[in-house]
C-alpha atoms as a PDB file:
ATOM      1  CA  MET A   1     -21.739  -8.147  -4.629  1.00  0.00           C
ATOM      2  CA  PRO A   2     -21.332  -8.234  -7.848  1.00  0.00           C
ATOM      3  CA  ALA A   3     -20.209  -4.676  -9.107  1.00  0.00           C
ATOM      4  CA  ASP A   4     -24.090  -4.433 -11.258  1.00  0.00           C
ATOM      5  CA  VAL A   5     -25.644  -4.448  -8.726  1.00  0.00           C
ATOM      6  CA  LEU A   6     -23.848  -1.994  -6.899  1.00  0.00           C
ATOM      7  CA  ALA A   7     -24.796   2.579  -7.059  1.00  0.00           C
ATOM      8  CA  ALA A   8     -23.796   3.962 -10.110  1.00  0.00           C
ATOM      9  CA  SER A   9     -20.624   5.663  -7.532  1.00  0.00           C
ATOM     10  CA  GLU A  10     -19.466   2.163  -6.589  1.00  0.00           C
ATOM     11  CA  THR A  11     -19.443   0.305  -9.900  1.00  0.00           C
ATOM     12  CA  VAL A  12     -15.849  -0.674 -11.094  1.00  0.00           C
ATOM     13  CA  PRO A  13     -14.502   1.662 -13.741  1.00  0.00           C
ATOM     14  CA  GLY A  14     -12.396  -0.114 -17.018  1.00  0.00           C
ATOM     15  CA  PHE A  15      -9.268  -0.474 -17.159  1.00  0.00           C
ATOM     16  CA  THR A  16      -6.155  -0.767 -19.926  1.00  0.00           C
ATOM     17  CA  ASP A  17      -3.121  -1.880 -18.068  1.00  0.00           C
ATOM     18  CA  LEU A  18      -4.671  -2.171 -14.550  1.00  0.00           C
ATOM     19  CA  ILE A  19      -6.625  -5.244 -13.372  1.00  0.00           C
ATOM     20  CA  PHE A  20      -9.586  -4.335 -10.653  1.00  0.00           C
ATOM     21  CA  GLU A  21     -10.561  -7.626  -8.980  1.00  0.00           C
ATOM     22  CA  ASP A  22     -13.800  -6.565  -7.058  1.00  0.00           C
ATOM     23  CA  LEU A  23     -13.383  -9.114  -4.545  1.00  0.00           C
ATOM     24  CA  GLY A  24     -16.222  -8.226  -1.520  1.00  0.00           C
ATOM     25  CA  PRO A  25     -14.185  -5.846   0.786  1.00  0.00           C
ATOM     26  CA  VAL A  26     -11.541  -6.672  -0.641  1.00  0.00           C
ATOM     27  CA  ALA A  27      -9.817  -5.049  -3.300  1.00  0.00           C
ATOM     28  CA  ARG A  28      -6.742  -6.573  -6.119  1.00  0.00           C
ATOM     29  CA  LEU A  29      -5.494  -4.431  -8.376  1.00  0.00           C
ATOM     30  CA  THR A  30      -2.064  -6.222 -10.533  1.00  0.00           C
ATOM     31  CA  LEU A  31      -0.489  -4.054 -12.821  1.00  0.00           C
ATOM     32  CA  ASN A  32      -0.291  -5.766 -16.252  1.00  0.00           C
ATOM     33  CA  ARG A  33       1.875  -5.018 -18.081  1.00  0.00           C
ATOM     34  CA  PRO A  34       4.498  -8.678 -18.050  1.00  0.00           C
ATOM     35  CA  ASN A  35       6.298  -7.671 -21.411  1.00  0.00           C
ATOM     36  CA  VAL A  36       7.729  -5.262 -19.977  1.00  0.00           C
ATOM     37  CA  MET A  37       8.003  -6.095 -16.257  1.00  0.00           C
ATOM     38  CA  ASN A  38       5.171  -3.936 -15.601  1.00  0.00           C
ATOM     39  CA  ALA A  39       6.987   0.084 -16.184  1.00  0.00           C
ATOM     40  CA  LEU A  40       4.772   2.758 -15.156  1.00  0.00           C
ATOM     41  CA  SER A  41       3.504   3.718 -18.774  1.00  0.00           C
ATOM     42  CA  ILE A  42       1.558   6.588 -19.007  1.00  0.00           C
ATOM     43  CA  ARG A  43      -1.093   4.992 -19.251  1.00  0.00           C
ATOM     44  CA  LEU A  44      -1.549   2.141 -15.919  1.00  0.00           C
ATOM     45  CA  SER A  45      -0.351   5.472 -14.106  1.00  0.00           C
ATOM     46  CA  ALA A  46      -3.961   6.997 -15.140  1.00  0.00           C
ATOM     47  CA  ASP A  47      -4.730   3.518 -14.748  1.00  0.00           C
ATOM     48  CA  LEU A  48      -4.052   3.306 -11.004  1.00  0.00           C
ATOM     49  CA  LEU A  49      -5.149   7.217  -9.937  1.00  0.00           C
ATOM     50  CA  ARG A  50      -8.060   5.686 -11.654  1.00  0.00           C
ATOM     51  CA  ALA A  51      -8.187   3.075  -8.909  1.00  0.00           C
ATOM     52  CA  PHE A  52      -6.739   4.871  -5.704  1.00  0.00           C
ATOM     53  CA  GLU A  53      -9.459   7.877  -6.470  1.00  0.00           C
ATOM     54  CA  PHE A  54     -12.027   5.259  -6.964  1.00  0.00           C
ATOM     55  CA  LEU A  55     -11.098   3.658  -3.677  1.00  0.00           C
ATOM     56  CA  ARG A  56     -11.204   6.868  -2.074  1.00  0.00           C
ATOM     57  CA  ASP A  57     -14.611   7.747  -2.351  1.00  0.00           C
ATOM     58  CA  SER A  58     -15.875   4.156  -2.158  1.00  0.00           C
ATOM     59  CA  GLU A  59     -16.728   2.974   1.358  1.00  0.00           C
ATOM     60  CA  ARG A  60     -17.270  -0.692   0.992  1.00  0.00           C
ATOM     61  CA  PHE A  61     -13.280  -1.600   0.347  1.00  0.00           C
ATOM     62  CA  LYS A  62     -10.946  -2.616   2.820  1.00  0.00           C
ATOM     63  CA  VAL A  63      -8.577  -4.137   1.884  1.00  0.00           C
ATOM     64  CA  VAL A  64      -6.476  -3.179  -0.899  1.00  0.00           C
ATOM     65  CA  VAL A  65      -4.130  -5.586  -3.132  1.00  0.00           C
ATOM     66  CA  ILE A  66      -1.579  -5.149  -5.365  1.00  0.00           C
ATOM     67  CA  GLN A  67      -0.126  -7.219  -6.703  1.00  0.00           C
ATOM     68  CA  GLY A  68       1.856  -7.113 -10.430  1.00  0.00           C
ATOM     69  CA  ALA A  69       1.671 -10.308 -13.578  1.00  0.00           C
ATOM     70  CA  GLY A  70       4.325 -11.724 -15.300  1.00  0.00           C
ATOM     71  CA  GLY A  71       5.646 -12.520 -12.122  1.00  0.00           C
ATOM     72  CA  ASN A  72       7.667  -8.856 -11.084  1.00  0.00           C
ATOM     73  CA  PHE A  73       5.833  -6.072  -9.791  1.00  0.00           C
ATOM     74  CA  CYS A  74       7.274  -3.286 -11.340  1.00  0.00           C
ATOM     75  CA  ALA A  75      10.535  -1.870 -13.175  1.00  0.00           C
ATOM     76  CA  GLY A  76      10.039   1.626 -11.950  1.00  0.00           C
ATOM     77  CA  ASP A  77       8.222   4.048 -14.701  1.00  0.00           C
ATOM     78  CA  ASP A  78       8.525   3.606 -18.521  1.00  0.00           C
ATOM     79  CA  LEU A  79      11.880   4.982 -19.792  1.00  0.00           C
ATOM     80  CA  GLY A  80      11.058   3.968 -22.931  1.00  0.00           C
ATOM     81  CA  GLU A  81       8.361   6.779 -23.471  1.00  0.00           C
ATOM     82  CA  MET A  82      10.659   8.788 -21.896  1.00  0.00           C
ATOM     83  CA  GLY A  83      13.579   9.020 -23.899  1.00  0.00           C
ATOM     84  CA  SER A  84      11.101   9.209 -26.945  1.00  0.00           C
ATOM     85  CA  GLY A  85       9.639  12.996 -25.458  1.00  0.00           C
ATOM     86  CA  LYS A  86       6.011  11.997 -24.252  1.00  0.00           C
ATOM     87  CA  TRP A  87       6.395  13.302 -21.413  1.00  0.00           C
ATOM     88  CA  GLY A  88       6.390  16.367 -22.589  1.00  0.00           C
ATOM     89  CA  ASN A  89       8.247  19.544 -21.979  1.00  0.00           C
ATOM     90  CA  VAL A  90      10.016  20.387 -19.009  1.00  0.00           C
ATOM     91  CA  ASN A  91       5.994  22.751 -17.604  1.00  0.00           C
ATOM     92  CA  GLN A  92       4.553  19.123 -19.024  1.00  0.00           C
ATOM     93  CA  ALA A  93       7.215  16.929 -17.006  1.00  0.00           C
ATOM     94  CA  MET A  94       6.952  18.805 -13.988  1.00  0.00           C
ATOM     95  CA  ARG A  95       2.967  18.464 -14.183  1.00  0.00           C
ATOM     96  CA  ARG A  96       3.235  14.526 -14.410  1.00  0.00           C
ATOM     97  CA  VAL A  97       5.230  14.718 -11.194  1.00  0.00           C
ATOM     98  CA  ARG A  98       3.722  16.214  -9.750  1.00  0.00           C
ATOM     99  CA  LEU A  99       0.714  14.211 -10.793  1.00  0.00           C
ATOM    100  CA  TYR A 100       2.280  11.364  -9.668  1.00  0.00           C
ATOM    101  CA  GLN A 101       3.004  12.801  -6.938  1.00  0.00           C
ATOM    102  CA  HIS A 102      -1.062  13.234  -6.067  1.00  0.00           C
ATOM    103  CA  MET A 103      -1.435   9.580  -7.420  1.00  0.00           C
ATOM    104  CA  ALA A 104       1.357   8.370  -4.008  1.00  0.00           C
ATOM    105  CA  ASN A 105      -0.237  10.482  -1.701  1.00  0.00           C
ATOM    106  CA  THR A 106      -4.022   9.070  -2.714  1.00  0.00           C
ATOM    107  CA  LEU A 107      -2.651   5.450  -2.014  1.00  0.00           C
ATOM    108  CA  GLU A 108      -0.656   6.758   1.385  1.00  0.00           C
ATOM    109  CA  GLU A 109      -4.040   8.189   2.437  1.00  0.00           C
ATOM    110  CA  LEU A 110      -6.804   5.781   1.100  1.00  0.00           C
ATOM    111  CA  ASP A 111      -8.784   4.617   4.624  1.00  0.00           C
ATOM    112  CA  LYS A 112      -8.083   1.390   4.177  1.00  0.00           C
ATOM    113  CA  ILE A 113      -5.713  -0.841   4.635  1.00  0.00           C
ATOM    114  CA  THR A 114      -2.771  -1.495   1.213  1.00  0.00           C
ATOM    115  CA  ILE A 115      -0.500  -4.499   0.766  1.00  0.00           C
ATOM    116  CA  CYS A 116       2.049  -4.778  -1.354  1.00  0.00           C
ATOM    117  CA  SER A 117       2.466  -8.971  -3.142  1.00  0.00           C
ATOM    118  CA  VAL A 118       5.826  -8.180  -4.328  1.00  0.00           C
ATOM    119  CA  ASP A 119       7.436 -10.603  -6.794  1.00  0.00           C
ATOM    120  CA  GLY A 120      10.385 -10.263  -9.012  1.00  0.00           C
ATOM    121  CA  ASN A 121      12.326  -7.104  -9.819  1.00  0.00           C
ATOM    122  CA  CYS A 122      10.959  -3.652  -7.238  1.00  0.00           C
ATOM    123  CA  VAL A 123      12.493  -0.622  -8.852  1.00  0.00           C
ATOM    124  CA  GLY A 124      12.260   2.883  -9.407  1.00  0.00           C
ATOM    125  CA  GLY A 125       8.756   3.957  -9.890  1.00  0.00           C
ATOM    126  CA  GLY A 126       7.635   0.504  -8.192  1.00  0.00           C
ATOM    127  CA  LEU A 127       9.393   0.382  -5.251  1.00  0.00           C
ATOM    128  CA  GLU A 128       8.116   4.722  -4.711  1.00  0.00           C
ATOM    129  CA  LEU A 129       5.458   2.649  -5.294  1.00  0.00           C
ATOM    130  CA  THR A 130       5.624  -0.331  -2.414  1.00  0.00           C
ATOM    131  CA  MET A 131       6.686   3.164  -0.294  1.00  0.00           C
ATOM    132  CA  ALA A 132       2.865   4.461   0.144  1.00  0.00           C
ATOM    133  CA  CYS A 133       1.630   1.732   1.515  1.00  0.00           C
ATOM    134  CA  ASP A 134       0.979  -0.090   4.438  1.00  0.00           C
ATOM    135  CA  PHE A 135       2.563  -4.131   4.338  1.00  0.00           C
ATOM    136  CA  VAL A 136       5.005  -4.977   1.921  1.00  0.00           C
ATOM    137  CA  ILE A 137       5.613  -9.226   1.114  1.00  0.00           C
ATOM    138  CA  CYS A 138       8.644  -9.233  -1.098  1.00  0.00           C
ATOM    139  CA  THR A 139       9.285 -12.933  -2.298  1.00  0.00           C
ATOM    140  CA  GLU A 140      12.858 -14.126  -1.951  1.00  0.00           C
ATOM    141  CA  ARG A 141      14.065 -13.468  -5.686  1.00  0.00           C
ATOM    142  CA  SER A 142      12.765  -9.900  -5.468  1.00  0.00           C
ATOM    143  CA  ARG A 143      15.324  -7.080  -6.567  1.00  0.00           C
ATOM    144  CA  TRP A 144      15.391  -3.023  -5.634  1.00  0.00           C
ATOM    145  CA  GLY A 145      16.707  -0.624  -5.408  1.00  0.00           C
ATOM    146  CA  MET A 146      16.212   3.161  -6.819  1.00  0.00           C
ATOM    147  CA  PRO A 147      18.524   3.049 -10.161  1.00  0.00           C
ATOM    148  CA  GLU A 148      17.035   6.356 -11.521  1.00  0.00           C
ATOM    149  CA  VAL A 149      20.864   8.133 -11.269  1.00  0.00           C
ATOM    150  CA  ASP A 150      22.652   5.654 -13.541  1.00  0.00           C
ATOM    151  CA  TRP A 151      19.763   7.140 -16.257  1.00  0.00           C
ATOM    152  CA  GLY A 152      20.189  10.450 -16.390  1.00  0.00           C
ATOM    153  CA  ILE A 153      16.614  11.296 -13.942  1.00  0.00           C
ATOM    154  CA  HIS A 154      15.613  11.850 -10.766  1.00  0.00           C
ATOM    155  CA  PRO A 155      13.344  10.491  -8.152  1.00  0.00           C
ATOM    156  CA  GLY A 156      10.031  11.712  -8.203  1.00  0.00           C
ATOM    157  CA  TRP A 157       7.293  10.460  -6.210  1.00  0.00           C
ATOM    158  CA  GLY A 158       9.441   8.773  -2.960  1.00  0.00           C
ATOM    159  CA  GLY A 159      12.373   8.236  -4.289  1.00  0.00           C
ATOM    160  CA  THR A 160      14.521  10.589  -2.038  1.00  0.00           C
ATOM    161  CA  THR A 161      11.033  11.667   0.222  1.00  0.00           C
ATOM    162  CA  ARG A 162       9.204   8.796   1.831  1.00  0.00           C
ATOM    163  CA  LEU A 163      12.494   6.344   1.365  1.00  0.00           C
ATOM    164  CA  ALA A 164      14.932   8.993   3.763  1.00  0.00           C
ATOM    165  CA  ARG A 165      11.577   8.429   6.364  1.00  0.00           C
ATOM    166  CA  LEU A 166      11.791   4.593   6.126  1.00  0.00           C
ATOM    167  CA  ILE A 167      15.871   3.919   6.030  1.00  0.00           C
ATOM    168  CA  GLY A 168      16.799   7.327   7.561  1.00  0.00           C
ATOM    169  CA  ARG A 169      19.106   9.784   5.346  1.00  0.00           C
ATOM    170  CA  ARG A 170      22.753   7.577   5.171  1.00  0.00           C
ATOM    171  CA  MET A 171      20.913   4.913   4.109  1.00  0.00           C
ATOM    172  CA  ALA A 172      18.653   6.985   1.732  1.00  0.00           C
ATOM    173  CA  LYS A 173      21.726   8.033  -0.360  1.00  0.00           C
ATOM    174  CA  GLU A 174      22.941   5.740  -0.385  1.00  0.00           C
ATOM    175  CA  ILE A 175      20.330   3.669  -1.857  1.00  0.00           C
ATOM    176  CA  ASN A 176      19.837   6.741  -4.512  1.00  0.00           C
ATOM    177  CA  LEU A 177      23.753   7.790  -5.221  1.00  0.00           C
ATOM    178  CA  LEU A 178      25.093   4.292  -6.297  1.00  0.00           C
ATOM    179  CA  GLY A 179      21.987   2.983  -7.863  1.00  0.00           C
ATOM    180  CA  ALA A 180      22.425  -0.682  -6.983  1.00  0.00           C
ATOM    181  CA  LEU A 181      19.771  -3.421  -7.056  1.00  0.00           C
ATOM    182  CA  HIS A 182      19.479  -5.211  -3.723  1.00  0.00           C
ATOM    183  CA  PRO A 183      18.123  -8.663  -2.230  1.00  0.00           C
ATOM    184  CA  ALA A 184      15.313  -8.958  -0.253  1.00  0.00           C
ATOM    185  CA  ARG A 185      16.141  -9.300   2.783  1.00  0.00           C
ATOM    186  CA  ARG A 186      18.044  -5.994   2.923  1.00  0.00           C
ATOM    187  CA  GLY A 187      15.209  -4.434   2.693  1.00  0.00           C
ATOM    188  CA  LYS A 188      13.566  -6.591   5.047  1.00  0.00           C
ATOM    189  CA  GLU A 189      16.478  -5.215   7.027  1.00  0.00           C
ATOM    190  CA  LEU A 190      16.335  -1.699   6.119  1.00  0.00           C
ATOM    191  CA  GLY A 191      12.778  -0.950   7.614  1.00  0.00           C
ATOM    192  CA  LEU A 192      11.653  -1.383   4.064  1.00  0.00           C
ATOM    193  CA  PHE A 193       9.787  -4.590   3.549  1.00  0.00           C
ATOM    194  CA  ASN A 194       7.397  -6.897   6.280  1.00  0.00           C
ATOM    195  CA  ARG A 195       8.126 -10.067   6.087  1.00  0.00           C
ATOM    196  CA  VAL A 196      10.262 -11.977   2.787  1.00  0.00           C
ATOM    197  CA  VAL A 197       8.384 -16.028   1.986  1.00  0.00           C
ATOM    198  CA  ALA A 198      10.127 -18.471  -0.649  1.00  0.00           C
ATOM    199  CA  ASN A 199       8.600 -18.110  -3.872  1.00  0.00           C
ATOM    200  CA  GLU A 200       6.028 -19.813  -3.556  1.00  0.00           C
ATOM    201  CA  ASP A 201       4.799 -18.578  -0.685  1.00  0.00           C
ATOM    202  CA  LEU A 202       3.302 -14.754  -1.721  1.00  0.00           C
ATOM    203  CA  GLY A 203      -0.116 -15.922  -2.950  1.00  0.00           C
ATOM    204  CA  ALA A 204      -0.459 -17.704   0.497  1.00  0.00           C
ATOM    205  CA  GLU A 205       0.788 -15.198   3.495  1.00  0.00           C
ATOM    206  CA  THR A 206      -0.254 -12.577   1.093  1.00  0.00           C
ATOM    207  CA  GLN A 207      -4.239 -13.652   1.948  1.00  0.00           C
ATOM    208  CA  ALA A 208      -3.419 -14.563   5.670  1.00  0.00           C
ATOM    209  CA  LEU A 209      -2.694 -11.628   5.968  1.00  0.00           C
ATOM    210  CA  VAL A 210      -6.149 -10.300   4.571  1.00  0.00           C
ATOM    211  CA  GLU A 211      -7.402 -12.425   6.860  1.00  0.00           C
ATOM    212  CA  LEU A 212      -6.267 -11.333   9.910  1.00  0.00           C
ATOM    213  CA  LEU A 213      -7.242  -8.119   8.878  1.00  0.00           C
ATOM    214  CA  LEU A 214     -10.802  -8.504   8.112  1.00  0.00           C
ATOM    215  CA  GLY A 215     -11.560  -9.604  11.809  1.00  0.00           C
ATOM    216  CA  LYS A 216      -9.919  -6.407  13.229  1.00  0.00           C
ATOM    217  CA  ASN A 217     -12.801  -3.628  14.405  1.00  0.00           C
ATOM    218  CA  GLN A 218     -12.270  -1.707  10.868  1.00  0.00           C
ATOM    219  CA  GLN A 219     -12.956   0.522  12.973  1.00  0.00           C
ATOM    220  CA  GLY A 220      -9.873   1.098  14.462  1.00  0.00           C
ATOM    221  CA  LEU A 221      -7.620   0.390  11.446  1.00  0.00           C
ATOM    222  CA  ARG A 222      -8.486   3.374   9.639  1.00  0.00           C
ATOM    223  CA  GLN A 223      -8.049   5.303  12.954  1.00  0.00           C
ATOM    224  CA  LEU A 224      -4.326   3.590  13.964  1.00  0.00           C
ATOM    225  CA  LYS A 225      -3.574   4.189  10.460  1.00  0.00           C
ATOM    226  CA  PHE A 226      -4.425   8.202  10.150  1.00  0.00           C
ATOM    227  CA  SER A 227      -3.013   8.793  13.358  1.00  0.00           C
ATOM    228  CA  LEU A 228       0.089   7.006  12.517  1.00  0.00           C
ATOM    229  CA  ASN A 229       0.540   8.865   8.671  1.00  0.00           C
ATOM    230  CA  ARG A 230       0.501  12.038  10.772  1.00  0.00           C
ATOM    231  CA  ASN A 231       2.337  11.070  13.845  1.00  0.00           C
ATOM    232  CA  VAL A 232       6.043  10.811  11.459  1.00  0.00           C
ATOM    233  CA  GLU A 233       5.433  13.717  10.613  1.00  0.00           C
ATOM    234  CA  ALA A 234       4.305  15.585  13.637  1.00  0.00           C
ATOM    235  CA  ASP A 235       6.255  16.452  16.261  1.00  0.00           C
ATOM    236  CA  LEU A 236       5.750  15.168  20.074  1.00  0.00           C
ATOM    237  CA  TYR A 237       3.034  17.074  20.997  1.00  0.00           C
ATOM    238  CA  THR A 238       0.897  17.131  17.902  1.00  0.00           C
ATOM    239  CA  ALA A 239       1.262  13.505  16.906  1.00  0.00           C
ATOM    240  CA  GLN A 240       0.500  12.503  21.358  1.00  0.00           C
ATOM    241  CA  GLY A 241      -3.366  15.217  20.617  1.00  0.00           C
ATOM    242  CA  PHE A 242      -4.098  12.820  17.086  1.00  0.00           C
ATOM    243  CA  GLU A 243      -3.801  10.043  19.315  1.00  0.00           C
ATOM    244  CA  VAL A 244      -5.859  11.308  22.312  1.00  0.00           C
ATOM    245  CA  LEU A 245      -8.139  12.104  19.881  1.00  0.00           C
ATOM    246  CA  GLY A 246      -7.834   8.968  17.961  1.00  0.00           C
ATOM    247  CA  GLY A 247      -8.887   7.371  20.849  1.00  0.00           C
ATOM    248  CA  VAL A 248     -12.121   8.566  21.755  1.00  0.00           C
ATOM    249  CA  VAL A 249     -13.375   8.141  18.004  1.00  0.00           C
ATOM    250  CA  THR A 250     -12.364   4.749  17.897  1.00  0.00           C
ATOM    251  CA  ALA A 251     -14.191   4.091  21.533  1.00  0.00           C
ATOM    252  CA  LEU A 252     -17.474   6.268  20.177  1.00  0.00           C
ATOM    253  CA  ALA A 253     -17.738   4.506  16.452  1.00  0.00           C
ATOM    254  CA  GLY A 254     -19.954   1.531  17.151  1.00  0.00           C
ATOM    255  CA  ARG A 255     -22.600   3.360  19.256  1.00  0.00           C
ATOM    256  CA  ASN A 256     -22.664   5.846  16.127  1.00  0.00           C
ATOM    257  CA  GLY A 257     -23.715   3.901  14.000  1.00  0.00           C
ATOM    258  CA  VAL A 258     -20.459   3.296  11.939  1.00  0.00           C
ATOM    259  CA  GLU A 259     -21.228  -0.676  10.643  1.00  0.00           C
ATOM    260  CA  ASP A 260     -17.774  -2.262  11.520  1.00  0.00           C
ATOM    261  CA  ALA A 261     -17.049  -0.118  14.876  1.00  0.00           C
ATOM    262  CA  ASP A 262     -17.304  -2.724  16.903  1.00  0.00           C
ATOM    263  CA  ASN A 263     -19.590  -1.613  19.655  1.00  0.00           C
ATOM    264  CA  VAL A 264     -18.111  -2.607  22.687  1.00  0.00           C
ATOM    265  CA  HIS A 265     -15.303  -2.513  24.107  1.00  0.00           C
ATOM    266  CA  GLY A 266     -13.508  -5.128  23.425  1.00  0.00           C
ATOM    267  CA  TRP A 267     -11.993  -6.723  26.897  1.00  0.00           C
ATOM    268  CA  ALA A 268     -15.370  -7.185  28.139  1.00  0.00           C
ATOM    269  CA  THR A 269     -16.577  -9.986  25.395  1.00  0.00           C
ATOM    270  CA  TYR A 270     -12.428 -11.652  24.945  1.00  0.00           C
ATOM    271  CA  ALA A 271     -13.391 -12.350  29.228  1.00  0.00           C
ATOM    272  CA  SER A 272     -16.554 -13.901  28.264  1.00  0.00           C
ATOM    273  CA  ARG A 273     -14.542 -17.252  27.470  1.00  0.00           C
ATOM    274  CA  ASP A 274     -16.760 -17.159  23.812  1.00  0.00           C
ATOM    275  CA  PRO A 275     -15.421 -19.293  21.496  1.00  0.00           C
ATOM    276  CA  SER A 276     -17.672 -16.993  18.886  1.00  0.00           C
ATOM    277  CA  SER A 277     -16.657 -13.387  20.715  1.00  0.00           C
ATOM    278  CA  PRO A 278     -14.734 -11.191  17.789  1.00  0.00           C
ATOM    279  CA  THR A 279     -12.761 -10.159  19.610  1.00  0.00           C
ATOM    280  CA  ARG A 280     -11.381 -13.521  21.119  1.00  0.00           C
ATOM    281  CA  ARG A 281     -11.539 -14.809  18.150  1.00  0.00           C
ATOM    282  CA  ARG A 282      -9.300 -12.220  16.132  1.00  0.00           C
ATOM    283  CA  ARG A 283      -6.799 -12.310  19.629  1.00  0.00           C
ATOM    284  CA  GLU A 284      -6.468 -16.485  18.500  1.00  0.00           C
ATOM    285  CA  LEU A 285      -5.494 -14.824  14.713  1.00  0.00           C
ATOM    286  CA  ALA A 286      -3.173 -12.685  15.940  1.00  0.00           C
ATOM    287  CA  LYS A 287      -0.996 -13.219  18.943  1.00  0.00           C
ATOM    288  CA  ASP A 288       1.322 -15.290  17.190  1.00  0.00           C
ATOM    289  CA  PHE A 289       1.462 -14.083  13.802  1.00  0.00           C
ATOM    290  CA  TRP A 290       5.054 -12.935  12.733  1.00  0.00           C
ATOM    291  CA  VAL A 291       6.005 -13.503  15.300  1.00  0.00           C
ATOM    292  CA  ASP A 292       9.121 -15.306  13.715  1.00  0.00           C
END
């Protein structure tokens, strides 16, 4: 649907260093500072936060894809700005770091499925951006790491927190304390990335994942994402409580007017062998997806 026919609250805001493509149920965000490997300047970070808050408040978008322009994903925070004092005094720098944490938290909590489509460098703040997303697909030539230790700065919005939760304390120390840049395949082995694909296949692999996700019961996806995000931070019994509530909400959503939720249990429509059944179509797409 074109932006000019949307309700005012659904009109995509304007951006300076970010390209926001409105593709119906999909939003594609491109970091657009290719001359500096899409380093996260104050202005680009403000663009990202504005985009994430817009997406948070919209019900129309189901999938968000984040990528970088010019053959790189993101080289992290703009060291030129930081080195020139644009972050201000200690208090102002602390406020900025907290703002970036809010940005990452907003991205992580979106009730849409988020995909980072990564090519080239994915370093520092760029890697922290991927940690707040649901899926990460990388090209073989991608390189990643947390080199802040050698710049005399400290990761501020995921490099020590989300990273340790994703790959464990021991490996998070290695990544941060040594500051090396690693090949994409090691990121997949550690659990940072979902897939590593040939350089020329990134777009097609990302699109295939988008199409698979769009065929799902969207309320089911939202509820699963909410539960998974909460469960990893909770004790077992609290996490089981989220599972109980999630099962009930998902089962009842279609009967209570949620438009993108199934209004019947999926097994009945699958067992009918009707080729037009959405359950059958999505099972055929999903059962062999990424099983290698």
